[in-house]
Structures are given as C-alpha cells and as structure tokens.
C-alpha cells in the first residue's frame, strides 16, 4: 500500500474510500511540482490511519474485563 501511495497518491486515497481527498491529490499530482507533496501526503495519511487503527484496537483490549483465576 505504501508503494501505491508513492507512485499513485490519488489511488491510495480512492482505495481507502476518501474520494474527495483523492481528487484533490489527483489535481496536485497533475502538476510536476505537486507530485512530491501529494506522495508525501498520501504516505503520511496511510501511516496515520494505521496508527489510529492500532490505538483503537489497544483501547478495545483495555476495556475488556480481565478474569483472574482463584485457587
């Protein structure tokens, strides 16, 4: 997914369901100067989404009750 974000930043957003942001990124990529910022934006966005999912998963694990065995 990181390779897609670097080569085709707009496609990275489209595949994650962020259509409007994908069009903005596609517009940036049309200009040669804007391609590098678009690629960096797509990679940073992907990493940020991954971290948010990891935090949500950890929060869910912390909310589960812990059962201790008694002897």
PDB file of N, CA and C in Angstrom:
ATOM      1  N   UNK A   1       0.818  -1.187   0.000  1.00  0.00           N
ATOM      2  CA  UNK A   1       0.000   0.000   0.000  1.00  0.00           C
ATOM      3  C   UNK A   1       0.870   1.262   0.000  1.00  0.00           C
ATOM      4  N   UNK A   2       2.029   1.186   0.646  1.00  0.00           N
ATOM      5  CA  UNK A   2       2.937   2.333   0.656  1.00  0.00           C
ATOM      6  C   UNK A   2       3.457   2.594  -0.762  1.00  0.00           C
ATOM      7  N   UNK A   3       3.731   1.537  -1.514  1.00  0.00           N
ATOM      8  CA  UNK A   3       4.204   1.705  -2.884  1.00  0.00           C
ATOM      9  C   UNK A   3       3.146   2.391  -3.745  1.00  0.00           C
ATOM     10  N   UNK A   4       1.899   2.011  -3.567  1.00  0.00           N
ATOM     11  CA  UNK A   4       0.805   2.672  -4.287  1.00  0.00           C
ATOM     12  C   UNK A   4       0.725   4.137  -3.876  1.00  0.00           C
ATOM     13  N   UNK A   5       0.894   4.411  -2.590  1.00  0.00           N
ATOM     14  CA  UNK A   5       0.829   5.793  -2.102  1.00  0.00           C
ATOM     15  C   UNK A   5       1.945   6.650  -2.685  1.00  0.00           C
ATOM     16  N   UNK A   6       3.099   6.066  -2.938  1.00  0.00           N
ATOM     17  CA  UNK A   6       4.208   6.837  -3.506  1.00  0.00           C
ATOM     18  C   UNK A   6       4.034   7.020  -5.011  1.00  0.00           C
ATOM     19  N   UNK A   7       3.674   5.952  -5.708  1.00  0.00           N
ATOM     20  CA  UNK A   7       3.566   6.032  -7.166  1.00  0.00           C
ATOM     21  C   UNK A   7       2.274   6.690  -7.640  1.00  0.00           C
ATOM     22  N   UNK A   8       1.166   6.348  -6.993  1.00  0.00           N
ATOM     23  CA  UNK A   8      -0.152   6.885  -7.360  1.00  0.00           C
ATOM     24  C   UNK A   8      -0.856   7.379  -6.094  1.00  0.00           C
ATOM     25  N   UNK A   9      -0.478   8.559  -5.600  1.00  0.00           N
ATOM     26  CA  UNK A   9      -1.054   9.039  -4.339  1.00  0.00           C
ATOM     27  C   UNK A   9      -2.578   9.124  -4.359  1.00  0.00           C
ATOM     28  N   UNK A  10      -3.159   9.553  -5.457  1.00  0.00           N
ATOM     29  CA  UNK A  10      -4.618   9.680  -5.551  1.00  0.00           C
ATOM     30  C   UNK A  10      -5.296   8.322  -5.430  1.00  0.00           C
ATOM     31  N   UNK A  11      -4.683   7.282  -5.986  1.00  0.00           N
ATOM     32  CA  UNK A  11      -5.265   5.945  -5.917  1.00  0.00           C
ATOM     33  C   UNK A  11      -5.274   5.417  -4.486  1.00  0.00           C
ATOM     34  N   UNK A  12      -4.261   5.782  -3.734  1.00  0.00           N
ATOM     35  CA  UNK A  12      -4.200   5.382  -2.330  1.00  0.00           C
ATOM     36  C   UNK A  12      -5.411   5.904  -1.555  1.00  0.00           C
ATOM     37  N   UNK A  13      -5.786   7.165  -1.817  1.00  0.00           N
ATOM     38  CA  UNK A  13      -6.954   7.733  -1.146  1.00  0.00           C
ATOM     39  C   UNK A  13      -8.247   7.089  -1.649  1.00  0.00           C
ATOM     40  N   UNK A  14      -8.332   6.848  -2.954  1.00  0.00           N
ATOM     41  CA  UNK A  14      -9.535   6.225  -3.522  1.00  0.00           C
ATOM     42  C   UNK A  14      -9.770   4.836  -2.922  1.00  0.00           C
ATOM     43  N   UNK A  15      -8.696   4.054  -2.792  1.00  0.00           N
ATOM     44  CA  UNK A  15      -8.828   2.695  -2.262  1.00  0.00           C
ATOM     45  C   UNK A  15      -9.263   2.678  -0.796  1.00  0.00           C
ATOM     46  N   UNK A  16      -8.987   3.764  -0.082  1.00  0.00           N
ATOM     47  CA  UNK A  16      -9.393   3.837   1.322  1.00  0.00           C
ATOM     48  C   UNK A  16     -10.732   4.537   1.502  1.00  0.00           C
ATOM     49  N   UNK A  17     -11.404   4.868   0.391  1.00  0.00           N
ATOM     50  CA  UNK A  17     -12.741   5.447   0.467  1.00  0.00           C
ATOM     51  C   UNK A  17     -12.772   6.949   0.646  1.00  0.00           C
ATOM     52  N   UNK A  18     -11.651   7.616   0.475  1.00  0.00           N
ATOM     53  CA  UNK A  18     -11.595   9.072   0.626  1.00  0.00           C
ATOM     54  C   UNK A  18     -11.574   9.699  -0.766  1.00  0.00           C
ATOM     55  N   UNK A  19     -12.748   9.712  -1.404  1.00  0.00           N
ATOM     56  CA  UNK A  19     -12.856  10.105  -2.800  1.00  0.00           C
ATOM     57  C   UNK A  19     -12.535  11.587  -3.003  1.00  0.00           C
ATOM     58  N   UNK A  20     -13.117  12.460  -2.192  1.00  0.00           N
ATOM     59  CA  UNK A  20     -12.901  13.905  -2.349  1.00  0.00           C
ATOM     60  C   UNK A  20     -11.424  14.257  -2.181  1.00  0.00           C
ATOM     61  N   UNK A  21     -10.798  13.710  -1.157  1.00  0.00           N
ATOM     62  CA  UNK A  21      -9.375  13.960  -0.922  1.00  0.00           C
ATOM     63  C   UNK A  21      -8.549  13.374  -2.067  1.00  0.00           C
ATOM     64  N   UNK A  22      -9.012  12.252  -2.619  1.00  0.00           N
ATOM     65  CA  UNK A  22      -8.330  11.657  -3.764  1.00  0.00           C
ATOM     66  C   UNK A  22      -8.321  12.579  -4.968  1.00  0.00           C
ATOM     67  N   UNK A  23      -9.445  13.276  -5.214  1.00  0.00           N
ATOM     68  CA  UNK A  23      -9.493  14.221  -6.327  1.00  0.00           C
ATOM     69  C   UNK A  23      -8.563  15.414  -6.096  1.00  0.00           C
ATOM     70  N   UNK A  24      -8.494  15.887  -4.867  1.00  0.00           N
ATOM     71  CA  UNK A  24      -7.570  16.981  -4.550  1.00  0.00           C
ATOM     72  C   UNK A  24      -6.133  16.527  -4.787  1.00  0.00           C
ATOM     73  N   UNK A  25      -5.834  15.322  -4.358  1.00  0.00           N
ATOM     74  CA  UNK A  25      -4.494  14.770  -4.535  1.00  0.00           C
ATOM     75  C   UNK A  25      -4.194  14.558  -6.027  1.00  0.00           C
ATOM     76  N   UNK A  26      -5.182  14.124  -6.792  1.00  0.00           N
ATOM     77  CA  UNK A  26      -5.010  13.943  -8.232  1.00  0.00           C
ATOM     78  C   UNK A  26      -4.713  15.275  -8.906  1.00  0.00           C
ATOM     79  N   UNK A  27      -5.406  16.318  -8.490  1.00  0.00           N
ATOM     80  CA  UNK A  27      -5.138  17.655  -9.021  1.00  0.00           C
ATOM     81  C   UNK A  27      -3.699  18.085  -8.714  1.00  0.00           C
ATOM     82  N   UNK A  28      -3.236  17.805  -7.496  1.00  0.00           N
ATOM     83  CA  UNK A  28      -1.850  18.125  -7.135  1.00  0.00           C
ATOM     84  C   UNK A  28      -0.865  17.334  -7.992  1.00  0.00           C
ATOM     85  N   UNK A  29      -1.205  16.085  -8.243  1.00  0.00           N
ATOM     86  CA  UNK A  29      -0.284  15.226  -8.982  1.00  0.00           C
ATOM     87  C   UNK A  29      -0.197  15.629 -10.455  1.00  0.00           C
ATOM     88  N   UNK A  30      -1.201  16.296 -10.981  1.00  0.00           N
ATOM     89  CA  UNK A  30      -1.147  16.747 -12.378  1.00  0.00           C
ATOM     90  C   UNK A  30      -0.007  17.716 -12.613  1.00  0.00           C
ATOM     91  N   UNK A  31       0.348  18.471 -11.595  1.00  0.00           N
ATOM     92  CA  UNK A  31       1.489  19.371 -11.731  1.00  0.00           C
ATOM     93  C   UNK A  31       2.734  18.627 -11.278  1.00  0.00           C
ATOM     94  N   UNK A  32       3.811  18.814 -11.981  1.00  0.00           N
ATOM     95  CA  UNK A  32       5.050  18.108 -11.651  1.00  0.00           C
ATOM     96  C   UNK A  32       5.553  18.511 -10.272  1.00  0.00           C
ATOM     97  N   UNK A  33       5.393  19.778  -9.925  1.00  0.00           N
ATOM     98  CA  UNK A  33       5.840  20.274  -8.623  1.00  0.00           C
ATOM     99  C   UNK A  33       4.983  19.682  -7.502  1.00  0.00           C
ATOM    100  N   UNK A  34       3.701  19.463  -7.778  1.00  0.00           N
ATOM    101  CA  UNK A  34       2.794  18.974  -6.751  1.00  0.00           C
ATOM    102  C   UNK A  34       2.841  17.482  -6.524  1.00  0.00           C
ATOM    103  N   UNK A  35       3.548  16.744  -7.393  1.00  0.00           N
ATOM    104  CA  UNK A  35       3.566  15.295  -7.245  1.00  0.00           C
ATOM    105  C   UNK A  35       4.254  14.869  -5.961  1.00  0.00           C
ATOM    106  N   UNK A  36       5.387  15.470  -5.643  1.00  0.00           N
ATOM    107  CA  UNK A  36       6.123  15.099  -4.426  1.00  0.00           C
ATOM    108  C   UNK A  36       5.311  15.378  -3.159  1.00  0.00           C
ATOM    109  N   UNK A  37       4.714  16.572  -2.998  1.00  0.00           N
ATOM    110  CA  UNK A  37       3.877  16.781  -1.811  1.00  0.00           C
ATOM    111  C   UNK A  37       2.676  15.831  -1.754  1.00  0.00           C
ATOM    112  N   UNK A  38       2.105  15.500  -2.916  1.00  0.00           N
ATOM    113  CA  UNK A  38       0.972  14.574  -2.938  1.00  0.00           C
ATOM    114  C   UNK A  38       1.405  13.193  -2.473  1.00  0.00           C
ATOM    115  N   UNK A  39       2.569  12.748  -2.904  1.00  0.00           N
ATOM    116  CA  UNK A  39       3.075  11.437  -2.488  1.00  0.00           C
ATOM    117  C   UNK A  39       3.377  11.414  -0.995  1.00  0.00           C
ATOM    118  N   UNK A  40       3.992  12.464  -0.495  1.00  0.00           N
ATOM    119  CA  UNK A  40       4.294  12.542   0.944  1.00  0.00           C
ATOM    120  C   UNK A  40       2.999  12.569   1.746  1.00  0.00           C
ATOM    121  N   UNK A  41       2.015  13.331   1.277  1.00  0.00           N
ATOM    122  CA  UNK A  41       0.723  13.424   1.947  1.00  0.00           C
ATOM    123  C   UNK A  41       0.040  12.064   1.996  1.00  0.00           C
ATOM    124  N   UNK A  42       0.073  11.328   0.892  1.00  0.00           N
ATOM    125  CA  UNK A  42      -0.581  10.015   0.842  1.00  0.00           C
ATOM    126  C   UNK A  42       0.097   9.021   1.788  1.00  0.00           C
ATOM    127  N   UNK A  43       1.414   9.015   1.822  1.00  0.00           N
ATOM    128  CA  UNK A  43       2.137   8.094   2.709  1.00  0.00           C
ATOM    129  C   UNK A  43       1.885   8.463   4.170  1.00  0.00           C
ATOM    130  N   UNK A  44       1.953   9.752   4.488  1.00  0.00           N
ATOM    131  CA  UNK A  44       1.710  10.188   5.872  1.00  0.00           C
ATOM    132  C   UNK A  44       0.282   9.871   6.298  1.00  0.00           C
ATOM    133  N   UNK A  45      -0.665  10.042   5.398  1.00  0.00           N
ATOM    134  CA  UNK A  45      -2.058   9.738   5.711  1.00  0.00           C
ATOM    135  C   UNK A  45      -2.254   8.247   5.971  1.00  0.00           C
ATOM    136  N   UNK A  46      -1.602   7.428   5.180  1.00  0.00           N
ATOM    137  CA  UNK A  46      -1.704   5.972   5.343  1.00  0.00           C
ATOM    138  C   UNK A  46      -1.113   5.539   6.686  1.00  0.00           C
ATOM    139  N   UNK A  47       0.031   6.078   7.028  1.00  0.00           N
ATOM    140  CA  UNK A  47       0.677   5.729   8.297  1.00  0.00           C
ATOM    141  C   UNK A  47      -0.176   6.207   9.466  1.00  0.00           C
ATOM    142  N   UNK A  48      -0.757   7.405   9.335  1.00  0.00           N
ATOM    143  CA  UNK A  48      -1.622   7.938  10.389  1.00  0.00           C
ATOM    144  C   UNK A  48      -2.861   7.062  10.586  1.00  0.00           C
ATOM    145  N   UNK A  49      -3.448   6.609   9.494  1.00  0.00           N
ATOM    146  CA  UNK A  49      -4.630   5.738   9.592  1.00  0.00           C
ATOM    147  C   UNK A  49      -4.281   4.410  10.257  1.00  0.00           C
ATOM    148  N   UNK A  50      -3.110   3.879   9.916  1.00  0.00           N
ATOM    149  CA  UNK A  50      -2.662   2.629  10.520  1.00  0.00           C
ATOM    150  C   UNK A  50      -2.473   2.789  12.031  1.00  0.00           C
ATOM    151  N   UNK A  51      -1.883   3.908  12.441  1.00  0.00           N
ATOM    152  CA  UNK A  51      -1.666   4.161  13.867  1.00  0.00           C
ATOM    153  C   UNK A  51      -2.991   4.339  14.607  1.00  0.00           C
ATOM    154  N   UNK A  52      -3.952   5.027  13.995  1.00  0.00           N
ATOM    155  CA  UNK A  52      -5.254   5.197  14.627  1.00  0.00           C
ATOM    156  C   UNK A  52      -5.949   3.860  14.823  1.00  0.00           C
ATOM    157  N   UNK A  53      -5.852   2.972  13.837  1.00  0.00           N
ATOM    158  CA  UNK A  53      -6.439   1.635  13.975  1.00  0.00           C
ATOM    159  C   UNK A  53      -5.770   0.858  15.099  1.00  0.00           C
ATOM    160  N   UNK A  54      -4.459   0.980  15.205  1.00  0.00           N
ATOM    161  CA  UNK A  54      -3.720   0.288  16.265  1.00  0.00           C
ATOM    162  C   UNK A  54      -4.145   0.810  17.640  1.00  0.00           C
ATOM    163  N   UNK A  55      -4.322   2.119  17.780  1.00  0.00           N
ATOM    164  CA  UNK A  55      -4.749   2.706  19.053  1.00  0.00           C
ATOM    165  C   UNK A  55      -6.159   2.252  19.398  1.00  0.00           C
ATOM    166  N   UNK A  56      -7.062   2.241  18.407  1.00  0.00           N
ATOM    167  CA  UNK A  56      -8.431   1.755  18.671  1.00  0.00           C
ATOM    168  C   UNK A  56      -8.429   0.313  19.143  1.00  0.00           C
ATOM    169  N   UNK A  57      -7.593  -0.508  18.531  1.00  0.00           N
ATOM    170  CA  UNK A  57      -7.513  -1.910  18.921  1.00  0.00           C
ATOM    171  C   UNK A  57      -6.991  -2.034  20.358  1.00  0.00           C
ATOM    172  N   UNK A  58      -5.984  -1.253  20.715  1.00  0.00           N
ATOM    173  CA  UNK A  58      -5.457  -1.288  22.079  1.00  0.00           C
ATOM    174  C   UNK A  58      -6.495  -0.802  23.090  1.00  0.00           C
ATOM    175  N   UNK A  59      -7.277   0.232  22.727  1.00  0.00           N
ATOM    176  CA  UNK A  59      -8.324   0.710  23.621  1.00  0.00           C
ATOM    177  C   UNK A  59      -9.384  -0.350  23.853  1.00  0.00           C
ATOM    178  N   UNK A  60      -9.750  -1.070  22.786  1.00  0.00           N
ATOM    179  CA  UNK A  60     -10.729  -2.156  22.942  1.00  0.00           C
ATOM    180  C   UNK A  60     -10.191  -3.254  23.854  1.00  0.00           C
ATOM    181  N   UNK A  61      -8.911  -3.567  23.726  1.00  0.00           N
ATOM    182  CA  UNK A  61      -8.310  -4.599  24.566  1.00  0.00           C
ATOM    183  C   UNK A  61      -8.266  -4.154  26.022  1.00  0.00           C
ATOM    184  N   UNK A  62      -8.061  -2.884  26.260  1.00  0.00           N
ATOM    185  CA  UNK A  62      -8.003  -2.384  27.630  1.00  0.00           C
ATOM    186  C   UNK A  62      -9.386  -2.358  28.274  1.00  0.00           C
ATOM    187  N   UNK A  63     -10.434  -2.253  27.484  1.00  0.00           N
ATOM    188  CA  UNK A  63     -11.786  -2.186  28.036  1.00  0.00           C
ATOM    189  C   UNK A  63     -12.350  -3.549  28.380  1.00  0.00           C
ATOM    190  N   UNK A  64     -11.752  -4.610  27.839  1.00  0.00           N
ATOM    191  CA  UNK A  64     -12.232  -5.947  28.155  1.00  0.00           C
ATOM    192  C   UNK A  64     -11.908  -6.280  29.605  1.00  0.00           C
ATOM    193  N   UNK A  65     -12.846  -6.926  30.291  1.00  0.00           N
ATOM    194  CA  UNK A  65     -12.564  -7.295  31.688  1.00  0.00           C
ATOM    195  C   UNK A  65     -11.492  -8.395  31.752  1.00  0.00           C
ATOM    196  N   UNK A  66     -10.691  -8.324  32.774  1.00  0.00           N
ATOM    197  CA  UNK A  66      -9.647  -9.318  33.000  1.00  0.00           C
ATOM    198  C   UNK A  66     -10.128 -10.264  34.078  1.00  0.00           C
ATOM    199  N   UNK A  67     -10.100 -11.527  33.771  1.00  0.00           N
ATOM    200  CA  UNK A  67     -10.534 -12.538  34.722  1.00  0.00           C
ATOM    201  C   UNK A  67      -9.296 -13.215  35.309  1.00  0.00           C
ATOM    202  N   UNK A  68      -9.248 -13.230  36.631  1.00  0.00           N
ATOM    203  CA  UNK A  68      -8.144 -13.880  37.315  1.00  0.00           C
ATOM    204  C   UNK A  68      -8.636 -15.204  37.873  1.00  0.00           C
ATOM    205  N   UNK A  69      -7.786 -16.190  37.812  1.00  0.00           N
ATOM    206  CA  UNK A  69      -8.136 -17.478  38.384  1.00  0.00           C
ATOM    207  C   UNK A  69      -7.895 -17.447  39.892  1.00  0.00           C
ATOM    208  N   UNK A  70      -8.847 -17.968  40.634  1.00  0.00           N
ATOM    209  CA  UNK A  70      -8.676 -18.061  42.071  1.00  0.00           C
ATOM    210  C   UNK A  70      -8.485 -19.512  42.441  1.00  0.00           C
ATOM    211  N   UNK A  71      -7.613 -19.742  43.409  1.00  0.00           N
ATOM    212  CA  UNK A  71      -7.332 -21.121  43.810  1.00  0.00           C
ATOM    213  C   UNK A  71      -7.828 -21.376  45.191  1.00  0.00           C
TER     214      UNK A  71
END
